[in-house]
């Protein structure tokens, strides 16, 4: 019968295996708590403002609307319907009712290097301006509030 020589490398590899399997077993027996809706740091709202198919964003009314056909997608963690309105060429306001989001980022969806900027208004809406630098124009955009 041959003797098994226990080397330091064998001991370390067995310990690593033990801890790896133990960690996996621990992970399987504990539940990760989901992030609360509207929690600090969470995405609290998304609006892809596209305007109606074939008509573009220039047809968005000047009164707030939540009509689904104006949005490619819309999400509000506070469950109120996302609302948008067009104030002027390339100038919009987006609201996420009952949502405490205080910051947002916006991205233009145009193919001509359009840029976009956003600022939060005192009434809770977000003021969005879209266009090529130096000129404002109607372009679809996506806003993410957090």
Protein backbone atom coordinates (compact mmCIF):
# COMPACT_ATOMS: atom_id res chain seq x y z
CA UNK A 1 0.00 0.00 0.00
CA UNK A 2 1.39 3.37 -0.93
CA UNK A 3 1.30 6.34 1.37
CA UNK A 4 -0.35 9.57 0.29
CA UNK A 5 1.97 12.46 0.78
CA UNK A 6 0.06 15.55 1.95
CA UNK A 7 1.65 18.65 0.53
CA UNK A 8 0.91 22.28 1.45
CA UNK A 9 -0.58 22.79 -2.04
CA UNK A 10 -3.05 19.93 -1.47
CA UNK A 11 -4.13 21.40 1.88
CA UNK A 12 -4.65 24.86 0.37
CA UNK A 13 -6.61 23.47 -2.60
CA UNK A 14 -8.86 21.42 -0.29
CA UNK A 15 -9.51 24.47 1.89
CA UNK A 16 -10.34 26.54 -1.19
CA UNK A 17 -12.75 23.85 -2.41
CA UNK A 18 -14.39 23.67 1.03
CA UNK A 19 -14.93 27.44 1.21
CA UNK A 20 -16.12 27.63 -2.41
CA UNK A 21 -18.74 24.94 -1.86
CA UNK A 22 -19.70 26.37 1.52
CA UNK A 23 -20.21 29.84 0.02
CA UNK A 24 -22.41 28.45 -2.74
CA UNK A 25 -24.50 26.53 -0.22
CA UNK A 26 -24.85 29.65 1.91
CA UNK A 27 -25.90 31.69 -1.15
CA UNK A 28 -28.56 29.12 -2.03
CA UNK A 29 -30.07 29.22 1.46
CA UNK A 30 -30.31 33.02 1.82
CA UNK A 31 -32.52 35.33 -0.15
CA UNK A 32 -31.28 38.62 -1.53
CA UNK A 33 -33.65 41.43 -0.65
CA UNK A 34 -34.91 43.20 -3.78
CA UNK A 35 -34.38 46.94 -4.01
CA UNK A 36 -37.45 48.87 -2.92
CA UNK A 37 -39.37 50.71 -5.61
CA UNK A 38 -38.43 54.36 -5.71
CA UNK A 39 -35.51 53.82 -3.32
CA UNK A 40 -32.67 56.32 -3.23
CA UNK A 41 -30.30 55.51 -6.08
CA UNK A 42 -32.86 53.45 -8.01
CA UNK A 43 -34.12 54.31 -11.48
CA UNK A 44 -37.40 55.99 -10.66
CA UNK A 45 -38.68 56.75 -14.14
CA UNK A 46 -37.99 56.21 -17.82
CA UNK A 47 -39.69 57.89 -20.75
CA UNK A 48 -38.80 57.26 -24.38
CA UNK A 49 -40.63 60.15 -26.03
CA UNK A 50 -41.08 59.36 -29.72
CA UNK A 51 -44.31 60.99 -30.81
CA UNK A 52 -46.90 59.05 -32.76
CA UNK A 53 -45.66 56.65 -35.41
CA UNK A 54 -44.98 58.41 -38.69
CA UNK A 55 -45.56 61.86 -37.19
CA UNK A 56 -42.59 62.28 -34.84
CA UNK A 57 -42.33 64.29 -31.66
CA UNK A 58 -43.52 67.52 -33.30
CA UNK A 59 -47.10 66.23 -32.91
CA UNK A 60 -46.96 66.00 -29.10
CA UNK A 61 -49.62 68.39 -27.76
CA UNK A 62 -48.83 71.46 -25.67
CA UNK A 63 -50.90 70.07 -22.79
CA UNK A 64 -49.55 67.14 -20.75
CA UNK A 65 -50.54 63.79 -22.23
CA UNK A 66 -50.01 60.23 -21.10
CA UNK A 67 -51.35 58.69 -24.31
CA UNK A 68 -49.27 55.55 -24.89
CA UNK A 69 -48.81 56.18 -28.62
CA UNK A 70 -46.48 59.13 -27.83
CA UNK A 71 -44.06 56.91 -25.93
CA UNK A 72 -41.81 54.09 -27.07
CA UNK A 73 -41.69 53.02 -23.43
CA UNK A 74 -42.65 54.59 -20.14
CA UNK A 75 -42.01 53.63 -16.51
CA UNK A 76 -42.81 55.43 -13.28
CA UNK A 77 -41.91 53.66 -10.03
CA UNK A 78 -44.70 55.60 -8.32
CA UNK A 79 -47.11 53.92 -10.77
CA UNK A 80 -48.62 57.14 -12.13
CA UNK A 81 -48.77 57.48 -15.91
CA UNK A 82 -45.74 59.27 -17.40
CA UNK A 83 -46.75 62.56 -19.02
CA UNK A 84 -45.11 64.74 -21.67
CA UNK A 85 -45.88 67.93 -23.51
CA UNK A 86 -44.19 69.96 -26.27
CA UNK A 87 -43.70 73.63 -25.44
CA UNK A 88 -41.88 74.68 -28.62
CA UNK A 89 -39.59 73.27 -31.30
CA UNK A 90 -37.21 70.96 -29.43
CA UNK A 91 -38.50 72.00 -25.99
CA UNK A 92 -40.49 69.56 -23.85
CA UNK A 93 -41.56 68.86 -20.30
CA UNK A 94 -41.86 65.36 -18.85
CA UNK A 95 -43.58 64.47 -15.56
CA UNK A 96 -43.48 61.35 -13.44
CA UNK A 97 -46.51 61.94 -11.15
CA UNK A 98 -46.04 61.27 -7.41
CA UNK A 99 -42.39 60.46 -8.07
CA UNK A 100 -39.69 62.02 -5.87
CA UNK A 101 -36.97 61.80 -8.52
CA UNK A 102 -34.72 64.81 -8.25
CA UNK A 103 -32.22 64.16 -11.05
CA UNK A 104 -32.36 62.92 -14.61
CA UNK A 105 -30.25 62.30 -17.67
CA UNK A 106 -31.48 62.65 -21.23
CA UNK A 107 -30.28 61.38 -24.57
CA UNK A 108 -31.43 62.44 -28.04
CA UNK A 109 -32.29 59.66 -30.46
CA UNK A 110 -31.59 61.58 -33.66
CA UNK A 111 -29.10 60.41 -36.26
CA UNK A 112 -27.59 63.85 -36.83
CA UNK A 113 -25.50 64.17 -33.63
CA UNK A 114 -28.34 65.84 -31.76
CA UNK A 115 -27.68 66.70 -28.14
CA UNK A 116 -30.07 67.07 -25.24
CA UNK A 117 -30.15 68.76 -21.86
CA UNK A 118 -32.46 68.39 -18.89
CA UNK A 119 -33.21 70.32 -15.72
CA UNK A 120 -35.70 69.72 -12.94
CA UNK A 121 -38.34 72.39 -12.44
CA UNK A 122 -39.79 73.45 -9.09
CA UNK A 123 -43.11 71.79 -9.98
CA UNK A 124 -41.36 68.38 -10.25
CA UNK A 125 -41.42 68.20 -14.05
CA UNK A 126 -38.24 67.91 -16.12
CA UNK A 127 -37.53 70.52 -18.79
CA UNK A 128 -35.88 68.93 -21.85
CA UNK A 129 -34.22 70.73 -24.77
CA UNK A 130 -33.14 68.73 -27.82
CA UNK A 131 -31.19 69.67 -30.93
CA UNK A 132 -27.93 69.97 -32.74
CA UNK A 133 -25.59 72.34 -30.84
CA UNK A 134 -26.45 75.89 -31.88
CA UNK A 135 -29.99 75.08 -33.01
CA UNK A 136 -33.02 73.49 -31.40
CA UNK A 137 -35.03 70.88 -33.29
CA UNK A 138 -37.63 68.21 -32.73
CA UNK A 139 -35.95 64.87 -32.04
CA UNK A 140 -37.12 61.82 -30.14
CA UNK A 141 -35.40 61.45 -26.77
CA UNK A 142 -35.12 59.21 -23.74
CA UNK A 143 -35.10 60.54 -20.19
CA UNK A 144 -34.12 58.47 -17.14
CA UNK A 145 -35.03 59.91 -13.73
CA UNK A 146 -33.44 58.82 -10.46
